[in-house]
PDB file of N, CA and C in Angstrom:
ATOM      1  N   UNK A   1      17.685   3.584  -0.889  1.00  0.00           N
ATOM      2  CA  UNK A   1      16.882   2.374  -1.017  1.00  0.00           C
ATOM      3  C   UNK A   1      17.404   1.317  -0.042  1.00  0.00           C
ATOM      4  N   UNK A   2      16.483   0.632   0.591  1.00  0.00           N
ATOM      5  CA  UNK A   2      16.847  -0.397   1.556  1.00  0.00           C
ATOM      6  C   UNK A   2      17.223  -1.697   0.866  1.00  0.00           C
ATOM      7  N   UNK A   3      18.159  -2.382   1.470  1.00  0.00           N
ATOM      8  CA  UNK A   3      18.493  -3.720   1.000  1.00  0.00           C
ATOM      9  C   UNK A   3      17.633  -4.706   1.790  1.00  0.00           C
ATOM     10  N   UNK A   4      16.752  -5.391   1.101  1.00  0.00           N
ATOM     11  CA  UNK A   4      15.872  -6.346   1.768  1.00  0.00           C
ATOM     12  C   UNK A   4      16.628  -7.636   2.034  1.00  0.00           C
ATOM     13  N   UNK A   5      16.297  -8.295   3.123  1.00  0.00           N
ATOM     14  CA  UNK A   5      17.000  -9.504   3.517  1.00  0.00           C
ATOM     15  C   UNK A   5      16.355 -10.768   2.971  1.00  0.00           C
ATOM     16  N   UNK A   6      15.064 -10.707   2.695  1.00  0.00           N
ATOM     17  CA  UNK A   6      14.355 -11.883   2.189  1.00  0.00           C
ATOM     18  C   UNK A   6      14.216 -11.813   0.671  1.00  0.00           C
ATOM     19  N   UNK A   7      14.588 -12.900   0.015  1.00  0.00           N
ATOM     20  CA  UNK A   7      14.349 -12.967  -1.427  1.00  0.00           C
ATOM     21  C   UNK A   7      12.842 -13.096  -1.650  1.00  0.00           C
ATOM     22  N   UNK A   8      12.397 -12.820  -2.851  1.00  0.00           N
ATOM     23  CA  UNK A   8      10.966 -12.955  -3.153  1.00  0.00           C
ATOM     24  C   UNK A   8      10.495 -14.386  -2.915  1.00  0.00           C
ATOM     25  N   UNK A   9      11.342 -15.351  -3.244  1.00  0.00           N
ATOM     26  CA  UNK A   9      10.977 -16.761  -3.054  1.00  0.00           C
ATOM     27  C   UNK A   9      10.814 -17.087  -1.567  1.00  0.00           C
ATOM     28  N   UNK A  10      11.755 -16.651  -0.751  1.00  0.00           N
ATOM     29  CA  UNK A  10      11.655 -16.916   0.691  1.00  0.00           C
ATOM     30  C   UNK A  10      10.479 -16.173   1.310  1.00  0.00           C
ATOM     31  N   UNK A  11      10.256 -14.931   0.863  1.00  0.00           N
ATOM     32  CA  UNK A  11       9.117 -14.177   1.380  1.00  0.00           C
ATOM     33  C   UNK A  11       7.815 -14.889   1.042  1.00  0.00           C
ATOM     34  N   UNK A  12       7.708 -15.413  -0.162  1.00  0.00           N
ATOM     35  CA  UNK A  12       6.495 -16.109  -0.577  1.00  0.00           C
ATOM     36  C   UNK A  12       6.215 -17.299   0.342  1.00  0.00           C
ATOM     37  N   UNK A  13       7.251 -18.055   0.671  1.00  0.00           N
ATOM     38  CA  UNK A  13       7.086 -19.212   1.560  1.00  0.00           C
ATOM     39  C   UNK A  13       6.711 -18.768   2.975  1.00  0.00           C
ATOM     40  N   UNK A  14       7.387 -17.743   3.474  1.00  0.00           N
ATOM     41  CA  UNK A  14       7.090 -17.249   4.819  1.00  0.00           C
ATOM     42  C   UNK A  14       5.679 -16.683   4.888  1.00  0.00           C
ATOM     43  N   UNK A  15       5.289 -15.912   3.884  1.00  0.00           N
ATOM     44  CA  UNK A  15       3.947 -15.324   3.853  1.00  0.00           C
ATOM     45  C   UNK A  15       2.880 -16.418   3.872  1.00  0.00           C
ATOM     46  N   UNK A  16       3.117 -17.469   3.100  1.00  0.00           N
ATOM     47  CA  UNK A  16       2.174 -18.588   3.066  1.00  0.00           C
ATOM     48  C   UNK A  16       2.034 -19.205   4.458  1.00  0.00           C
ATOM     49  N   UNK A  17       3.153 -19.382   5.169  1.00  0.00           N
ATOM     50  CA  UNK A  17       3.100 -19.947   6.523  1.00  0.00           C
ATOM     51  C   UNK A  17       2.373 -19.013   7.482  1.00  0.00           C
ATOM     52  N   UNK A  18       2.649 -17.719   7.388  1.00  0.00           N
ATOM     53  CA  UNK A  18       1.994 -16.759   8.279  1.00  0.00           C
ATOM     54  C   UNK A  18       0.487 -16.738   8.055  1.00  0.00           C
ATOM     55  N   UNK A  19       0.081 -16.739   6.807  1.00  0.00           N
ATOM     56  CA  UNK A  19      -1.354 -16.717   6.505  1.00  0.00           C
ATOM     57  C   UNK A  19      -2.023 -18.031   6.889  1.00  0.00           C
ATOM     58  N   UNK A  20      -1.344 -19.137   6.684  1.00  0.00           N
ATOM     59  CA  UNK A  20      -1.891 -20.450   7.039  1.00  0.00           C
ATOM     60  C   UNK A  20      -2.124 -20.547   8.548  1.00  0.00           C
ATOM     61  N   UNK A  21      -1.262 -19.910   9.317  1.00  0.00           N
ATOM     62  CA  UNK A  21      -1.374 -19.954  10.777  1.00  0.00           C
ATOM     63  C   UNK A  21      -2.174 -18.783  11.338  1.00  0.00           C
ATOM     64  N   UNK A  22      -2.983 -18.158  10.483  1.00  0.00           N
ATOM     65  CA  UNK A  22      -3.908 -17.082  10.872  1.00  0.00           C
ATOM     66  C   UNK A  22      -3.201 -15.839  11.409  1.00  0.00           C
ATOM     67  N   UNK A  23      -1.974 -15.595  10.960  1.00  0.00           N
ATOM     68  CA  UNK A  23      -1.311 -14.331  11.276  1.00  0.00           C
ATOM     69  C   UNK A  23      -1.931 -13.290  10.358  1.00  0.00           C
ATOM     70  N   UNK A  24      -2.228 -12.124  10.890  1.00  0.00           N
ATOM     71  CA  UNK A  24      -2.937 -11.112  10.111  1.00  0.00           C
ATOM     72  C   UNK A  24      -2.190 -10.765   8.827  1.00  0.00           C
ATOM     73  N   UNK A  25      -2.952 -10.410   7.827  1.00  0.00           N
ATOM     74  CA  UNK A  25      -2.384 -10.068   6.525  1.00  0.00           C
ATOM     75  C   UNK A  25      -2.576  -8.584   6.266  1.00  0.00           C
ATOM     76  N   UNK A  26      -1.735  -7.776   6.861  1.00  0.00           N
ATOM     77  CA  UNK A  26      -1.844  -6.355   6.592  1.00  0.00           C
ATOM     78  C   UNK A  26      -1.079  -6.012   5.319  1.00  0.00           C
ATOM     79  N   UNK A  27      -1.390  -4.899   4.760  1.00  0.00           N
ATOM     80  CA  UNK A  27      -0.845  -4.493   3.465  1.00  0.00           C
ATOM     81  C   UNK A  27       0.683  -4.478   3.451  1.00  0.00           C
ATOM     82  N   UNK A  28       1.294  -4.008   4.522  1.00  0.00           N
ATOM     83  CA  UNK A  28       2.747  -3.881   4.555  1.00  0.00           C
ATOM     84  C   UNK A  28       3.412  -4.941   5.439  1.00  0.00           C
ATOM     85  N   UNK A  29       2.857  -6.142   5.448  1.00  0.00           N
ATOM     86  CA  UNK A  29       3.382  -7.221   6.277  1.00  0.00           C
ATOM     87  C   UNK A  29       4.839  -7.521   5.941  1.00  0.00           C
ATOM     88  N   UNK A  30       5.182  -7.526   4.656  1.00  0.00           N
ATOM     89  CA  UNK A  30       6.568  -7.835   4.298  1.00  0.00           C
ATOM     90  C   UNK A  30       7.526  -6.805   4.888  1.00  0.00           C
ATOM     91  N   UNK A  31       7.189  -5.528   4.802  1.00  0.00           N
ATOM     92  CA  UNK A  31       8.084  -4.506   5.339  1.00  0.00           C
ATOM     93  C   UNK A  31       8.163  -4.586   6.861  1.00  0.00           C
ATOM     94  N   UNK A  32       7.094  -5.020   7.505  1.00  0.00           N
ATOM     95  CA  UNK A  32       7.125  -5.218   8.955  1.00  0.00           C
ATOM     96  C   UNK A  32       8.115  -6.317   9.307  1.00  0.00           C
ATOM     97  N   UNK A  33       8.030  -7.432   8.588  1.00  0.00           N
ATOM     98  CA  UNK A  33       8.955  -8.549   8.819  1.00  0.00           C
ATOM     99  C   UNK A  33      10.383  -8.124   8.488  1.00  0.00           C
ATOM    100  N   UNK A  34      10.567  -7.428   7.373  1.00  0.00           N
ATOM    101  CA  UNK A  34      11.901  -6.950   6.998  1.00  0.00           C
ATOM    102  C   UNK A  34      12.458  -6.014   8.077  1.00  0.00           C
ATOM    103  N   UNK A  35      11.603  -5.173   8.653  1.00  0.00           N
ATOM    104  CA  UNK A  35      12.033  -4.286   9.732  1.00  0.00           C
ATOM    105  C   UNK A  35      12.512  -5.060  10.948  1.00  0.00           C
ATOM    106  N   UNK A  36      11.811  -6.136  11.287  1.00  0.00           N
ATOM    107  CA  UNK A  36      12.230  -6.984  12.404  1.00  0.00           C
ATOM    108  C   UNK A  36      13.597  -7.601  12.126  1.00  0.00           C
ATOM    109  N   UNK A  37      13.772  -8.106  10.920  1.00  0.00           N
ATOM    110  CA  UNK A  37      15.055  -8.708  10.556  1.00  0.00           C
ATOM    111  C   UNK A  37      16.173  -7.670  10.554  1.00  0.00           C
ATOM    112  N   UNK A  38      15.875  -6.483  10.052  1.00  0.00           N
ATOM    113  CA  UNK A  38      16.858  -5.401  10.010  1.00  0.00           C
ATOM    114  C   UNK A  38      17.298  -5.034  11.421  1.00  0.00           C
ATOM    115  N   UNK A  39      16.326  -4.936  12.318  1.00  0.00           N
ATOM    116  CA  UNK A  39      16.645  -4.600  13.704  1.00  0.00           C
ATOM    117  C   UNK A  39      17.503  -5.684  14.341  1.00  0.00           C
ATOM    118  N   UNK A  40      17.183  -6.948  14.081  1.00  0.00           N
ATOM    119  CA  UNK A  40      17.970  -8.048  14.631  1.00  0.00           C
ATOM    120  C   UNK A  40      19.400  -8.019  14.086  1.00  0.00           C
ATOM    121  N   UNK A  41      19.541  -7.673  12.817  1.00  0.00           N
ATOM    122  CA  UNK A  41      20.864  -7.650  12.189  1.00  0.00           C
ATOM    123  C   UNK A  41      21.703  -6.480  12.683  1.00  0.00           C
ATOM    124  N   UNK A  42      21.083  -5.316  12.847  1.00  0.00           N
ATOM    125  CA  UNK A  42      21.840  -4.113  13.201  1.00  0.00           C
ATOM    126  C   UNK A  42      21.903  -3.845  14.697  1.00  0.00           C
ATOM    127  N   UNK A  43      20.896  -4.320  15.434  1.00  0.00           N
ATOM    128  CA  UNK A  43      20.832  -4.039  16.860  1.00  0.00           C
ATOM    129  C   UNK A  43      20.322  -2.638  17.180  1.00  0.00           C
ATOM    130  N   UNK A  44      19.833  -1.930  16.165  1.00  0.00           N
ATOM    131  CA  UNK A  44      19.325  -0.565  16.374  1.00  0.00           C
ATOM    132  C   UNK A  44      18.038  -0.601  17.186  1.00  0.00           C
ATOM    133  N   UNK A  45      17.801   0.438  17.984  1.00  0.00           N
ATOM    134  CA  UNK A  45      16.510   0.556  18.671  1.00  0.00           C
ATOM    135  C   UNK A  45      15.384   0.732  17.641  1.00  0.00           C
ATOM    136  N   UNK A  46      14.184   0.316  18.010  1.00  0.00           N
ATOM    137  CA  UNK A  46      13.036   0.429  17.101  1.00  0.00           C
ATOM    138  C   UNK A  46      12.867   1.852  16.587  1.00  0.00           C
ATOM    139  N   UNK A  47      13.055   2.820  17.459  1.00  0.00           N
ATOM    140  CA  UNK A  47      12.825   4.218  17.080  1.00  0.00           C
ATOM    141  C   UNK A  47      13.805   4.719  16.025  1.00  0.00           C
ATOM    142  N   UNK A  48      14.936   4.034  15.859  1.00  0.00           N
ATOM    143  CA  UNK A  48      15.952   4.471  14.903  1.00  0.00           C
ATOM    144  C   UNK A  48      15.882   3.760  13.556  1.00  0.00           C
ATOM    145  N   UNK A  49      14.926   2.855  13.394  1.00  0.00           N
ATOM    146  CA  UNK A  49      14.810   2.158  12.110  1.00  0.00           C
ATOM    147  C   UNK A  49      14.391   3.131  11.016  1.00  0.00           C
ATOM    148  N   UNK A  50      14.837   2.894   9.787  1.00  0.00           N
ATOM    149  CA  UNK A  50      14.422   3.748   8.668  1.00  0.00           C
ATOM    150  C   UNK A  50      12.898   3.764   8.525  1.00  0.00           C
ATOM    151  N   UNK A  51      12.359   4.891   8.127  1.00  0.00           N
ATOM    152  CA  UNK A  51      10.907   5.053   7.995  1.00  0.00           C
ATOM    153  C   UNK A  51      10.303   4.120   6.950  1.00  0.00           C
ATOM    154  N   UNK A  52      11.104   3.611   6.042  1.00  0.00           N
ATOM    155  CA  UNK A  52      10.600   2.707   5.007  1.00  0.00           C
ATOM    156  C   UNK A  52       9.982   1.445   5.599  1.00  0.00           C
ATOM    157  N   UNK A  53      10.358   1.110   6.829  1.00  0.00           N
ATOM    158  CA  UNK A  53       9.808  -0.075   7.476  1.00  0.00           C
ATOM    159  C   UNK A  53       8.463   0.196   8.130  1.00  0.00           C
ATOM    160  N   UNK A  54       8.007   1.400   8.110  1.00  0.00           N
ATOM    161  CA  UNK A  54       6.712   1.744   8.700  1.00  0.00           C
ATOM    162  C   UNK A  54       6.871   2.304  10.095  1.00  0.00           C
ATOM    163  N   UNK A  55       5.734   2.472  10.751  1.00  0.00           N
ATOM    164  CA  UNK A  55       5.729   3.067  12.097  1.00  0.00           C
ATOM    165  C   UNK A  55       6.109   2.057  13.142  1.00  0.00           C
TER     166      UNK A  55
END
């Protein structure tokens, strides 16, 4: 199981900002954002990220 970096409260605030600014609302938006944060934290190449973050 992955350790998520955003708390539910922080995700809720970020999601609200993304939607308010017309950023698309795809079903797995949170996991996409979490994948970006994970990559920034670990420095791993995109291709090496865990599949839980999506394609």
